[in-house]
Amino acid sequence: MTRGRFITFEGTEGVGKSTQLETAAATLEGLGIDYMVTREPGGTPMAESIREMLLATREEPVHETTELLLMFAARSQHLYNRILPALSAGKWVLCDRFTDATFAYQGGGRGVSRERIALLENLVQGDLRPDHVILLDAPVETGMARARKRGELDRFEQEALAFFQRIRDAYLERATEMPGRYHVVNAALPLEQVTESVSALLSALSKLPVAD
């Protein structure tokens, strides 16, 4: 059986990842491709519990190393209990964030070194990486204005704009370094145009040969 594709959706707050995951799922349904939609941190009951710990606002400062280790603890549980079995069964996995988010948020945002993140990436994932990363990109001010309209902000969303600018810069830097894997979509455009772009991109990716 051919391994499924691993497609991740990345971006800062308020860029519309949830909406475009729905677009991607509808596109794959139309193409007759079996798929699974999931998210990080989360994706399994235990990983969702870790997600709640990570997002909860608290008076106690959360050290960057604690945050990093919790991210990878949730990722390990998610990877081995859901992602890898789905890929082995031939399903496409559509994931709201993965390790590229760690390089952006904990790396770019918090200042954790790439080397420390890469060490955990290799430990938890081995040689598994997303086949394609769809980066929904928009100015930080635009995304945060949208995020504030959703309601109460979580621990990450309460950070200053400079934090999210560093995250956006880190994402765009990775996109420049890995143009074959990253696909940047202008998420500041009207929703209809973003949806059309994502649907066309998924259709094009379905025609590419599966990487070894």
N, C-alpha and C. Protein backbone atom coordinates (compact mmCIF):
# COMPACT_ATOMS: atom_id res chain seq x y z
N MET A 1 0.84 -1.20 0.00
CA MET A 1 0.00 0.00 0.00
C MET A 1 0.88 1.25 0.00
N THR A 2 0.53 2.23 -0.84
CA THR A 2 1.29 3.47 -0.91
C THR A 2 1.05 4.31 0.34
N ARG A 3 2.14 4.84 0.91
CA ARG A 3 2.01 5.69 2.09
C ARG A 3 1.22 6.94 1.75
N GLY A 4 0.41 7.40 2.70
CA GLY A 4 -0.34 8.63 2.49
C GLY A 4 0.57 9.84 2.53
N ARG A 5 0.03 10.98 2.14
CA ARG A 5 0.79 12.25 2.18
C ARG A 5 0.58 12.93 3.52
N PHE A 6 1.61 13.59 3.99
CA PHE A 6 1.54 14.33 5.24
C PHE A 6 1.61 15.81 4.90
N ILE A 7 0.47 16.50 5.04
CA ILE A 7 0.35 17.90 4.68
C ILE A 7 0.05 18.72 5.93
N THR A 8 0.87 19.72 6.21
CA THR A 8 0.65 20.54 7.39
C THR A 8 0.28 21.97 6.99
N PHE A 9 -0.52 22.60 7.84
CA PHE A 9 -0.93 23.98 7.64
C PHE A 9 -0.31 24.82 8.75
N GLU A 10 0.43 25.85 8.37
CA GLU A 10 1.15 26.67 9.33
C GLU A 10 0.79 28.14 9.15
N GLY A 11 1.15 28.92 10.16
CA GLY A 11 0.92 30.35 10.11
C GLY A 11 0.74 30.93 11.49
N THR A 12 0.80 32.22 11.59
CA THR A 12 0.59 32.90 12.87
C THR A 12 -0.89 32.92 13.21
N GLU A 13 -1.23 33.59 14.30
CA GLU A 13 -2.63 33.61 14.75
C GLU A 13 -3.53 34.34 13.74
N GLY A 14 -4.75 33.81 13.57
CA GLY A 14 -5.76 34.50 12.79
C GLY A 14 -5.60 34.46 11.28
N VAL A 15 -4.78 33.53 10.76
CA VAL A 15 -4.58 33.47 9.31
C VAL A 15 -5.60 32.55 8.62
N GLY A 16 -6.43 31.86 9.40
CA GLY A 16 -7.49 31.06 8.78
C GLY A 16 -7.15 29.60 8.56
N LYS A 17 -6.30 29.05 9.38
CA LYS A 17 -5.92 27.64 9.19
C LYS A 17 -7.11 26.70 9.30
N SER A 18 -7.95 26.90 10.30
CA SER A 18 -9.11 26.02 10.49
C SER A 18 -10.02 26.05 9.27
N THR A 19 -10.26 27.23 8.74
CA THR A 19 -11.11 27.36 7.56
C THR A 19 -10.49 26.66 6.36
N GLN A 20 -9.19 26.83 6.16
CA GLN A 20 -8.55 26.24 4.99
C GLN A 20 -8.30 24.74 5.14
N LEU A 21 -8.27 24.24 6.37
CA LEU A 21 -8.27 22.79 6.56
C LEU A 21 -9.58 22.20 6.07
N GLU A 22 -10.68 22.91 6.30
CA GLU A 22 -11.97 22.47 5.78
C GLU A 22 -11.97 22.47 4.25
N THR A 23 -11.35 23.50 3.67
CA THR A 23 -11.23 23.57 2.21
C THR A 23 -10.43 22.37 1.69
N ALA A 24 -9.31 22.09 2.36
CA ALA A 24 -8.46 20.98 1.93
C ALA A 24 -9.20 19.65 2.03
N ALA A 25 -9.94 19.47 3.13
CA ALA A 25 -10.70 18.23 3.30
C ALA A 25 -11.75 18.07 2.20
N ALA A 26 -12.45 19.15 1.89
CA ALA A 26 -13.47 19.09 0.84
C ALA A 26 -12.84 18.78 -0.52
N THR A 27 -11.66 19.35 -0.76
CA THR A 27 -10.97 19.10 -2.02
C THR A 27 -10.57 17.65 -2.15
N LEU A 28 -10.03 17.07 -1.08
CA LEU A 28 -9.62 15.66 -1.11
C LEU A 28 -10.83 14.75 -1.27
N GLU A 29 -11.93 15.11 -0.61
CA GLU A 29 -13.16 14.32 -0.79
C GLU A 29 -13.57 14.30 -2.25
N GLY A 30 -13.51 15.48 -2.88
CA GLY A 30 -13.87 15.57 -4.29
C GLY A 30 -12.95 14.77 -5.19
N LEU A 31 -11.71 14.59 -4.76
CA LEU A 31 -10.74 13.80 -5.53
C LEU A 31 -10.78 12.32 -5.19
N GLY A 32 -11.61 11.96 -4.22
CA GLY A 32 -11.72 10.56 -3.82
C GLY A 32 -10.53 10.07 -3.00
N ILE A 33 -9.87 10.97 -2.29
CA ILE A 33 -8.69 10.62 -1.50
C ILE A 33 -9.09 10.48 -0.03
N ASP A 34 -8.72 9.36 0.58
CA ASP A 34 -9.00 9.15 1.99
C ASP A 34 -8.06 10.01 2.83
N TYR A 35 -8.58 10.62 3.87
CA TYR A 35 -7.77 11.58 4.63
C TYR A 35 -8.18 11.60 6.09
N MET A 36 -7.35 12.25 6.90
CA MET A 36 -7.63 12.49 8.31
C MET A 36 -7.23 13.92 8.63
N VAL A 37 -8.06 14.63 9.40
CA VAL A 37 -7.74 15.99 9.84
C VAL A 37 -7.40 15.95 11.32
N THR A 38 -6.31 16.59 11.70
CA THR A 38 -5.91 16.61 13.10
C THR A 38 -5.21 17.93 13.41
N ARG A 39 -4.69 18.05 14.64
CA ARG A 39 -4.07 19.33 15.01
C ARG A 39 -2.98 19.13 16.05
N GLU A 40 -2.14 20.16 16.17
CA GLU A 40 -1.10 20.18 17.19
C GLU A 40 -1.08 21.52 17.89
N PRO A 41 -0.70 21.55 19.18
CA PRO A 41 -0.60 20.34 20.01
C PRO A 41 -1.98 19.74 20.19
N GLY A 42 -2.04 18.42 20.27
CA GLY A 42 -3.31 17.72 20.41
C GLY A 42 -3.38 16.52 19.51
N GLY A 43 -4.59 16.12 19.18
CA GLY A 43 -4.78 15.02 18.24
C GLY A 43 -5.10 13.68 18.88
N THR A 44 -4.77 13.51 20.17
CA THR A 44 -5.16 12.33 20.94
C THR A 44 -5.61 12.82 22.31
N PRO A 45 -6.33 12.01 23.09
CA PRO A 45 -6.78 12.48 24.40
C PRO A 45 -5.63 12.98 25.29
N MET A 46 -4.54 12.24 25.34
CA MET A 46 -3.42 12.68 26.18
C MET A 46 -2.78 13.95 25.64
N ALA A 47 -2.60 14.01 24.32
CA ALA A 47 -1.99 15.20 23.71
C ALA A 47 -2.90 16.42 23.87
N GLU A 48 -4.22 16.22 23.83
CA GLU A 48 -5.14 17.33 24.05
C GLU A 48 -5.04 17.84 25.49
N SER A 49 -4.78 16.95 26.44
CA SER A 49 -4.60 17.38 27.83
C SER A 49 -3.35 18.25 27.96
N ILE A 50 -2.30 17.88 27.23
CA ILE A 50 -1.08 18.69 27.23
C ILE A 50 -1.35 20.03 26.57
N ARG A 51 -2.16 20.03 25.52
CA ARG A 51 -2.53 21.28 24.85
C ARG A 51 -3.19 22.25 25.84
N GLU A 52 -4.11 21.72 26.64
CA GLU A 52 -4.78 22.57 27.62
C GLU A 52 -3.78 23.19 28.59
N MET A 53 -2.79 22.41 29.00
CA MET A 53 -1.75 22.92 29.89
C MET A 53 -0.96 24.04 29.22
N LEU A 54 -0.66 23.85 27.95
CA LEU A 54 0.16 24.82 27.22
C LEU A 54 -0.57 26.14 26.97
N LEU A 55 -1.86 26.07 26.69
CA LEU A 55 -2.61 27.27 26.30
C LEU A 55 -3.19 28.03 27.48
N ALA A 56 -3.31 27.38 28.63
CA ALA A 56 -3.95 28.02 29.78
C ALA A 56 -3.13 29.21 30.27
N THR A 57 -3.82 30.30 30.55
CA THR A 57 -3.16 31.45 31.16
C THR A 57 -2.89 31.13 32.62
N ARG A 58 -1.73 31.56 33.12
CA ARG A 58 -1.36 31.25 34.49
C ARG A 58 -0.42 32.31 35.02
N GLU A 59 -0.41 32.49 36.33
CA GLU A 59 0.48 33.45 36.96
C GLU A 59 1.93 32.96 36.96
N GLU A 60 2.09 31.65 37.09
CA GLU A 60 3.44 31.08 37.12
C GLU A 60 4.10 31.19 35.75
N PRO A 61 5.30 31.75 35.65
CA PRO A 61 5.98 31.82 34.35
C PRO A 61 6.26 30.42 33.81
N VAL A 62 6.09 30.25 32.52
CA VAL A 62 6.39 28.97 31.87
C VAL A 62 7.75 29.10 31.20
N HIS A 63 8.73 28.33 31.67
CA HIS A 63 10.06 28.41 31.10
C HIS A 63 10.05 27.89 29.67
N GLU A 64 10.89 28.46 28.83
CA GLU A 64 10.92 28.08 27.41
C GLU A 64 11.23 26.60 27.21
N THR A 65 12.08 26.03 28.08
CA THR A 65 12.42 24.61 27.96
C THR A 65 11.22 23.74 28.32
N THR A 66 10.47 24.15 29.35
CA THR A 66 9.26 23.43 29.73
C THR A 66 8.28 23.41 28.57
N GLU A 67 8.07 24.58 27.97
CA GLU A 67 7.15 24.70 26.84
C GLU A 67 7.59 23.81 25.68
N LEU A 68 8.88 23.84 25.38
CA LEU A 68 9.43 23.06 24.27
C LEU A 68 9.23 21.56 24.51
N LEU A 69 9.53 21.09 25.71
CA LEU A 69 9.41 19.67 26.02
C LEU A 69 7.96 19.22 26.00
N LEU A 70 7.06 20.06 26.49
CA LEU A 70 5.63 19.71 26.44
C LEU A 70 5.15 19.61 25.00
N MET A 71 5.60 20.51 24.14
CA MET A 71 5.23 20.44 22.72
C MET A 71 5.63 19.10 22.12
N PHE A 72 6.85 18.67 22.39
CA PHE A 72 7.32 17.42 21.80
C PHE A 72 6.73 16.20 22.49
N ALA A 73 6.38 16.32 23.77
CA ALA A 73 5.70 15.21 24.44
C ALA A 73 4.34 14.96 23.78
N ALA A 74 3.59 16.04 23.55
CA ALA A 74 2.30 15.91 22.86
C ALA A 74 2.50 15.39 21.45
N ARG A 75 3.54 15.87 20.78
CA ARG A 75 3.81 15.46 19.39
C ARG A 75 4.13 13.97 19.31
N SER A 76 4.91 13.47 20.24
CA SER A 76 5.26 12.06 20.23
C SER A 76 4.02 11.18 20.36
N GLN A 77 3.15 11.53 21.29
CA GLN A 77 1.92 10.77 21.49
C GLN A 77 1.05 10.82 20.24
N HIS A 78 0.93 11.98 19.66
CA HIS A 78 0.13 12.20 18.44
C HIS A 78 0.71 11.43 17.26
N LEU A 79 2.00 11.52 17.10
CA LEU A 79 2.68 10.90 15.96
C LEU A 79 2.50 9.39 15.95
N TYR A 80 2.78 8.76 17.09
CA TYR A 80 2.78 7.31 17.13
C TYR A 80 1.38 6.71 17.24
N ASN A 81 0.45 7.46 17.81
CA ASN A 81 -0.90 6.91 17.97
C ASN A 81 -1.87 7.26 16.86
N ARG A 82 -1.58 8.32 16.10
CA ARG A 82 -2.52 8.71 15.05
C ARG A 82 -1.88 8.94 13.69
N ILE A 83 -0.84 9.78 13.64
CA ILE A 83 -0.31 10.18 12.34
C ILE A 83 0.32 9.01 11.59
N LEU A 84 1.26 8.32 12.22
CA LEU A 84 1.94 7.22 11.54
C LEU A 84 0.99 6.09 11.14
N PRO A 85 0.05 5.67 12.01
CA PRO A 85 -0.90 4.65 11.56
C PRO A 85 -1.74 5.09 10.36
N ALA A 86 -2.15 6.36 10.34
CA ALA A 86 -2.96 6.85 9.22
C ALA A 86 -2.15 6.85 7.93
N LEU A 87 -0.91 7.34 8.00
CA LEU A 87 -0.06 7.35 6.81
C LEU A 87 0.21 5.94 6.31
N SER A 88 0.44 5.01 7.23
CA SER A 88 0.70 3.62 6.84
C SER A 88 -0.51 2.98 6.18
N ALA A 89 -1.71 3.46 6.56
CA ALA A 89 -2.94 2.93 5.97
C ALA A 89 -3.26 3.59 4.64
N GLY A 90 -2.39 4.50 4.17
CA GLY A 90 -2.59 5.16 2.89
C GLY A 90 -3.38 6.44 2.95
N LYS A 91 -3.75 6.89 4.15
CA LYS A 91 -4.51 8.13 4.28
C LYS A 91 -3.60 9.34 4.17
N TRP A 92 -4.16 10.42 3.61
CA TRP A 92 -3.49 11.72 3.70
C TRP A 92 -3.78 12.28 5.09
N VAL A 93 -2.77 12.86 5.71
CA VAL A 93 -2.95 13.50 7.01
C VAL A 93 -2.86 15.00 6.82
N LEU A 94 -3.94 15.71 7.16
CA LEU A 94 -3.98 17.17 7.13
C LEU A 94 -3.87 17.64 8.56
N CYS A 95 -2.77 18.30 8.89
CA CYS A 95 -2.50 18.65 10.28
C CYS A 95 -2.36 20.15 10.48
N ASP A 96 -3.13 20.67 11.44
CA ASP A 96 -3.05 22.07 11.84
C ASP A 96 -1.82 22.22 12.72
N ARG A 97 -0.72 22.63 12.10
CA ARG A 97 0.59 22.82 12.72
C ARG A 97 1.32 21.50 13.00
N PHE A 98 2.66 21.59 12.95
CA PHE A 98 3.53 20.47 13.31
C PHE A 98 4.85 21.09 13.75
N THR A 99 5.96 20.44 13.49
CA THR A 99 7.23 20.91 14.05
C THR A 99 7.71 22.23 13.45
N ASP A 100 7.28 22.58 12.26
CA ASP A 100 7.63 23.90 11.72
C ASP A 100 7.11 24.99 12.65
N ALA A 101 5.97 24.73 13.31
CA ALA A 101 5.44 25.70 14.28
C ALA A 101 6.36 25.84 15.47
N THR A 102 7.01 24.75 15.87
CA THR A 102 7.94 24.82 16.99
C THR A 102 9.16 25.65 16.63
N PHE A 103 9.67 25.47 15.42
CA PHE A 103 10.78 26.30 14.98
C PHE A 103 10.38 27.77 14.92
N ALA A 104 9.11 28.03 14.59
CA ALA A 104 8.65 29.42 14.49
C ALA A 104 8.31 30.00 15.86
N TYR A 105 7.50 29.30 16.64
CA TYR A 105 7.03 29.83 17.92
C TYR A 105 8.10 29.76 19.01
N GLN A 106 8.61 28.56 19.25
CA GLN A 106 9.62 28.44 20.31
C GLN A 106 10.99 28.92 19.82
N GLY A 107 11.27 28.73 18.53
CA GLY A 107 12.53 29.20 17.97
C GLY A 107 12.51 30.70 17.71
N GLY A 108 11.71 31.12 16.74
CA GLY A 108 11.64 32.54 16.41
C GLY A 108 11.05 33.37 17.53
N GLY A 109 9.93 32.92 18.09
CA GLY A 109 9.24 33.69 19.11
C GLY A 109 9.96 33.74 20.44
N ARG A 110 10.37 32.57 20.95
CA ARG A 110 10.98 32.50 22.28
C ARG A 110 12.51 32.61 22.25
N GLY A 111 13.10 32.38 21.08
CA GLY A 111 14.55 32.46 21.00
C GLY A 111 15.29 31.17 21.30
N VAL A 112 14.57 30.03 21.34
CA VAL A 112 15.22 28.74 21.53
C VAL A 112 16.04 28.43 20.28
N SER A 113 17.22 27.90 20.46
CA SER A 113 18.10 27.66 19.32
C SER A 113 17.55 26.56 18.41
N ARG A 114 17.85 26.68 17.14
CA ARG A 114 17.44 25.66 16.18
C ARG A 114 18.03 24.30 16.53
N GLU A 115 19.25 24.32 17.06
CA GLU A 115 19.92 23.06 17.38
C GLU A 115 19.17 22.28 18.44
N ARG A 116 18.65 22.98 19.46
CA ARG A 116 17.90 22.30 20.51
C ARG A 116 16.60 21.73 19.97
N ILE A 117 15.93 22.50 19.12
CA ILE A 117 14.68 22.01 18.54
C ILE A 117 14.95 20.83 17.61
N ALA A 118 15.99 20.93 16.79
CA ALA A 118 16.32 19.86 15.85
C ALA A 118 16.67 18.57 16.58
N LEU A 119 17.30 18.69 17.75
CA LEU A 119 17.65 17.52 18.53
C LEU A 119 16.40 16.74 18.92
N LEU A 120 15.38 17.46 19.40
CA LEU A 120 14.13 16.81 19.78
C LEU A 120 13.36 16.34 18.55
N GLU A 121 13.43 17.11 17.48
CA GLU A 121 12.78 16.70 16.23
C GLU A 121 13.28 15.34 15.78
N ASN A 122 14.59 15.17 15.78
CA ASN A 122 15.17 13.89 15.35
C ASN A 122 14.85 12.77 16.34
N LEU A 123 14.86 13.09 17.63
CA LEU A 123 14.55 12.08 18.64
C LEU A 123 13.13 11.56 18.50
N VAL A 124 12.17 12.48 18.34
CA VAL A 124 10.76 12.10 18.31
C VAL A 124 10.33 11.59 16.94
N GLN A 125 10.80 12.21 15.88
CA GLN A 125 10.28 11.93 14.54
C GLN A 125 11.17 11.03 13.69
N GLY A 126 12.42 10.83 14.06
CA GLY A 126 13.33 10.14 13.17
C GLY A 126 13.48 10.95 11.90
N ASP A 127 13.28 10.32 10.76
CA ASP A 127 13.43 11.05 9.49
C ASP A 127 12.09 11.52 8.92
N LEU A 128 11.00 11.38 9.69
CA LEU A 128 9.70 11.82 9.18
C LEU A 128 9.60 13.34 9.20
N ARG A 129 9.23 13.91 8.07
CA ARG A 129 8.95 15.33 7.94
C ARG A 129 7.69 15.47 7.09
N PRO A 130 6.95 16.56 7.23
CA PRO A 130 5.79 16.76 6.34
C PRO A 130 6.22 16.75 4.88
N ASP A 131 5.39 16.15 4.03
CA ASP A 131 5.69 16.16 2.60
C ASP A 131 5.56 17.57 2.04
N HIS A 132 4.56 18.29 2.54
CA HIS A 132 4.33 19.67 2.08
C HIS A 132 3.81 20.50 3.25
N VAL A 133 4.26 21.76 3.29
CA VAL A 133 3.82 22.71 4.30
C VAL A 133 3.10 23.85 3.59
N ILE A 134 1.83 24.06 3.93
CA ILE A 134 1.07 25.17 3.37
C ILE A 134 1.11 26.29 4.40
N LEU A 135 1.86 27.34 4.08
CA LEU A 135 2.02 28.47 4.99
C LEU A 135 1.03 29.56 4.62
N LEU A 136 0.06 29.77 5.49
CA LEU A 136 -0.90 30.86 5.30
C LEU A 136 -0.30 32.10 5.93
N ASP A 137 0.05 33.05 5.11
CA ASP A 137 0.81 34.21 5.57
C ASP A 137 0.00 35.49 5.45
N ALA A 138 0.04 36.28 6.52
CA ALA A 138 -0.63 37.58 6.53
C ALA A 138 0.11 38.48 7.50
N PRO A 139 0.02 39.80 7.32
CA PRO A 139 0.63 40.70 8.30
C PRO A 139 0.14 40.40 9.70
N VAL A 140 1.02 40.54 10.67
CA VAL A 140 0.69 40.21 12.05
C VAL A 140 -0.52 41.00 12.55
N GLU A 141 -0.58 42.28 12.21
CA GLU A 141 -1.70 43.11 12.66
C GLU A 141 -3.03 42.57 12.14
N THR A 142 -3.04 42.10 10.90
CA THR A 142 -4.26 41.55 10.31
C THR A 142 -4.70 40.30 11.03
N GLY A 143 -3.75 39.40 11.26
CA GLY A 143 -4.07 38.14 11.93
C GLY A 143 -4.54 38.34 13.35
N MET A 144 -3.87 39.22 14.11
CA MET A 144 -4.25 39.41 15.49
C MET A 144 -5.61 40.11 15.61
N ALA A 145 -5.94 40.99 14.67
CA ALA A 145 -7.26 41.62 14.68
C ALA A 145 -8.35 40.56 14.51
N ARG A 146 -8.09 39.58 13.65
CA ARG A 146 -9.04 38.49 13.46
C ARG A 146 -9.12 37.63 14.72
N ALA A 147 -7.95 37.33 15.33
CA ALA A 147 -7.91 36.47 16.51
C ALA A 147 -8.70 37.08 17.66
N ARG A 148 -8.60 38.40 17.82
CA ARG A 148 -9.30 39.06 18.92
C ARG A 148 -10.82 38.97 18.76
N LYS A 149 -11.29 38.87 17.53
CA LYS A 149 -12.72 38.76 17.28
C LYS A 149 -13.27 37.39 17.67
N ARG A 150 -12.37 36.39 17.82
CA ARG A 150 -12.83 35.04 18.15
C ARG A 150 -13.23 34.91 19.61
N GLY A 151 -12.79 35.83 20.45
CA GLY A 151 -13.12 35.75 21.87
C GLY A 151 -11.90 35.85 22.75
N GLU A 152 -11.95 35.19 23.90
CA GLU A 152 -10.87 35.28 24.89
C GLU A 152 -9.57 34.72 24.32
N LEU A 153 -8.48 35.43 24.56
CA LEU A 153 -7.19 35.03 24.02
C LEU A 153 -6.51 34.03 24.96
N ASP A 154 -5.82 33.02 24.37
CA ASP A 154 -5.09 32.06 25.19
C ASP A 154 -3.71 32.61 25.56
N ARG A 155 -2.89 31.80 26.23
CA ARG A 155 -1.60 32.28 26.73
C ARG A 155 -0.69 32.77 25.61
N PHE A 156 -0.70 32.10 24.48
CA PHE A 156 0.14 32.53 23.35
C PHE A 156 -0.41 33.79 22.71
N GLU A 157 -1.73 33.81 22.51
CA GLU A 157 -2.35 34.94 21.82
C GLU A 157 -2.22 36.25 22.59
N GLN A 158 -1.92 36.16 23.88
CA GLN A 158 -1.77 37.37 24.70
C GLN A 158 -0.38 37.99 24.58
N GLU A 159 0.51 37.37 23.83
CA GLU A 159 1.85 37.92 23.65
C GLU A 159 1.80 39.21 22.83
N ALA A 160 2.88 39.98 22.92
CA ALA A 160 2.98 41.25 22.19
C ALA A 160 3.12 41.00 20.69
N LEU A 161 2.79 42.04 19.90
CA LEU A 161 2.89 41.92 18.44
C LEU A 161 4.30 41.56 17.99
N ALA A 162 5.32 42.05 18.71
CA ALA A 162 6.71 41.75 18.33
C ALA A 162 6.98 40.25 18.37
N PHE A 163 6.36 39.55 19.30
CA PHE A 163 6.49 38.09 19.40
C PHE A 163 6.00 37.44 18.11
N PHE A 164 4.84 37.87 17.64
CA PHE A 164 4.26 37.27 16.44
C PHE A 164 4.99 37.71 15.17
N GLN A 165 5.60 38.88 15.20
CA GLN A 165 6.40 39.30 14.05
C GLN A 165 7.64 38.39 13.93
N ARG A 166 8.24 38.05 15.07
CA ARG A 166 9.39 37.14 15.04
C ARG A 166 8.97 35.76 14.51
N ILE A 167 7.77 35.34 14.89
CA ILE A 167 7.25 34.05 14.41
C ILE A 167 7.04 34.09 12.90
N ARG A 168 6.41 35.17 12.43
CA ARG A 168 6.18 35.28 10.99
C ARG A 168 7.50 35.31 10.23
N ASP A 169 8.47 36.04 10.75
CA ASP A 169 9.78 36.10 10.10
C ASP A 169 10.42 34.71 10.04
N ALA A 170 10.28 33.95 11.12
CA ALA A 170 10.86 32.61 11.17
C ALA A 170 10.20 31.69 10.14
N TYR A 171 8.89 31.79 10.02
CA TYR A 171 8.18 30.99 9.01
C TYR A 171 8.66 31.34 7.60
N LEU A 172 8.74 32.64 7.31
CA LEU A 172 9.13 33.06 5.96
C LEU A 172 10.58 32.68 5.67
N GLU A 173 11.41 32.70 6.70
CA GLU A 173 12.80 32.27 6.52
C GLU A 173 12.87 30.78 6.16
N ARG A 174 12.07 29.97 6.84
CA ARG A 174 12.04 28.54 6.52
C ARG A 174 11.47 28.30 5.13
N ALA A 175 10.50 29.10 4.73
CA ALA A 175 9.93 28.96 3.39
C ALA A 175 10.98 29.26 2.33
N THR A 176 11.83 30.24 2.58
CA THR A 176 12.91 30.57 1.65
C THR A 176 13.94 29.47 1.60
N GLU A 177 14.22 28.86 2.75
CA GLU A 177 15.23 27.80 2.82
C GLU A 177 14.75 26.49 2.20
N MET A 178 13.44 26.26 2.22
CA MET A 178 12.89 24.98 1.73
C MET A 178 11.76 25.22 0.73
N PRO A 179 12.08 25.82 -0.41
CA PRO A 179 11.02 26.18 -1.37
C PRO A 179 10.31 24.97 -1.97
N GLY A 180 10.95 23.82 -1.98
CA GLY A 180 10.29 22.64 -2.52
C GLY A 180 9.24 22.06 -1.60
N ARG A 181 9.33 22.36 -0.33
CA ARG A 181 8.41 21.79 0.65
C ARG A 181 7.36 22.81 1.10
N TYR A 182 7.72 24.07 1.07
CA TYR A 182 6.82 25.14 1.53
C TYR A 182 6.01 25.71 0.36
N HIS A 183 4.76 26.00 0.61
CA HIS A 183 3.88 26.65 -0.37
C HIS A 183 3.22 27.83 0.36
N VAL A 184 3.61 29.03 0.02
CA VAL A 184 3.13 30.22 0.72
C VAL A 184 1.86 30.74 0.05
N VAL A 185 0.81 30.90 0.85
CA VAL A 185 -0.47 31.40 0.37
C VAL A 185 -0.74 32.73 1.06
N ASN A 186 -1.10 33.75 0.28
CA ASN A 186 -1.39 35.07 0.83
C ASN A 186 -2.74 35.03 1.54
N ALA A 187 -2.71 34.91 2.87
CA ALA A 187 -3.95 34.80 3.65
C ALA A 187 -4.60 36.14 3.94
N ALA A 188 -3.97 37.23 3.48
CA ALA A 188 -4.57 38.56 3.67
C ALA A 188 -5.59 38.87 2.57
N LEU A 189 -5.62 38.06 1.53
CA LEU A 189 -6.59 38.26 0.44
C LEU A 189 -8.00 37.90 0.92
N PRO A 190 -9.03 38.30 0.16
CA PRO A 190 -10.39 37.90 0.52
C PRO A 190 -10.51 36.38 0.63
N LEU A 191 -11.39 35.93 1.51
CA LEU A 191 -11.52 34.51 1.81
C LEU A 191 -11.72 33.66 0.56
N GLU A 192 -12.53 34.13 -0.37
CA GLU A 192 -12.80 33.34 -1.57
C GLU A 192 -11.52 33.06 -2.35
N GLN A 193 -10.63 34.05 -2.43
CA GLN A 193 -9.39 33.88 -3.17
C GLN A 193 -8.44 32.94 -2.45
N VAL A 194 -8.39 33.04 -1.13
CA VAL A 194 -7.54 32.13 -0.36
C VAL A 194 -8.03 30.69 -0.52
N THR A 195 -9.33 30.52 -0.45
CA THR A 195 -9.92 29.19 -0.59
C THR A 195 -9.62 28.61 -1.97
N GLU A 196 -9.74 29.42 -2.99
CA GLU A 196 -9.42 28.96 -4.35
C GLU A 196 -7.96 28.55 -4.47
N SER A 197 -7.08 29.31 -3.85
CA SER A 197 -5.65 29.00 -3.91
C SER A 197 -5.33 27.68 -3.22
N VAL A 198 -5.92 27.48 -2.07
CA VAL A 198 -5.66 26.25 -1.31
C VAL A 198 -6.23 25.04 -2.04
N SER A 199 -7.42 25.16 -2.58
CA SER A 199 -8.03 24.05 -3.30
C SER A 199 -7.20 23.69 -4.54
N ALA A 200 -6.75 24.70 -5.28
CA ALA A 200 -5.92 24.45 -6.46
C ALA A 200 -4.60 23.81 -6.08
N LEU A 201 -4.04 24.25 -4.96
CA LEU A 201 -2.77 23.70 -4.49
C LEU A 201 -2.92 22.22 -4.12
N LEU A 202 -3.97 21.87 -3.38
CA LEU A 202 -4.20 20.47 -3.02
C LEU A 202 -4.41 19.61 -4.26
N SER A 203 -5.14 20.13 -5.22
CA SER A 203 -5.35 19.38 -6.47
C SER A 203 -4.03 19.13 -7.18
N ALA A 204 -3.16 20.14 -7.21
CA ALA A 204 -1.85 19.99 -7.85
C ALA A 204 -0.98 19.00 -7.10
N LEU A 205 -1.00 19.04 -5.77
CA LEU A 205 -0.19 18.13 -4.97
C LEU A 205 -0.63 16.68 -5.16
N SER A 206 -1.92 16.48 -5.42
CA SER A 206 -2.43 15.11 -5.59
C SER A 206 -1.87 14.46 -6.85
N LYS A 207 -1.39 15.28 -7.78
CA LYS A 207 -0.86 14.75 -9.04
C LYS A 207 0.65 14.47 -8.97
N LEU A 208 1.30 14.90 -7.90
CA LEU A 208 2.73 14.67 -7.76
C LEU A 208 3.02 13.27 -7.29
N PRO A 209 4.15 12.68 -7.70
CA PRO A 209 4.50 11.36 -7.20
C PRO A 209 4.79 11.40 -5.71
N VAL A 210 4.54 10.31 -5.01
CA VAL A 210 4.80 10.24 -3.58
C VAL A 210 6.30 10.12 -3.36
N ALA A 211 6.83 10.97 -2.44
CA ALA A 211 8.26 10.91 -2.14
C ALA A 211 8.59 9.63 -1.40
N ASP A 212 9.80 9.14 -1.60
CA ASP A 212 10.24 7.92 -0.89
C ASP A 212 10.46 8.24 0.59
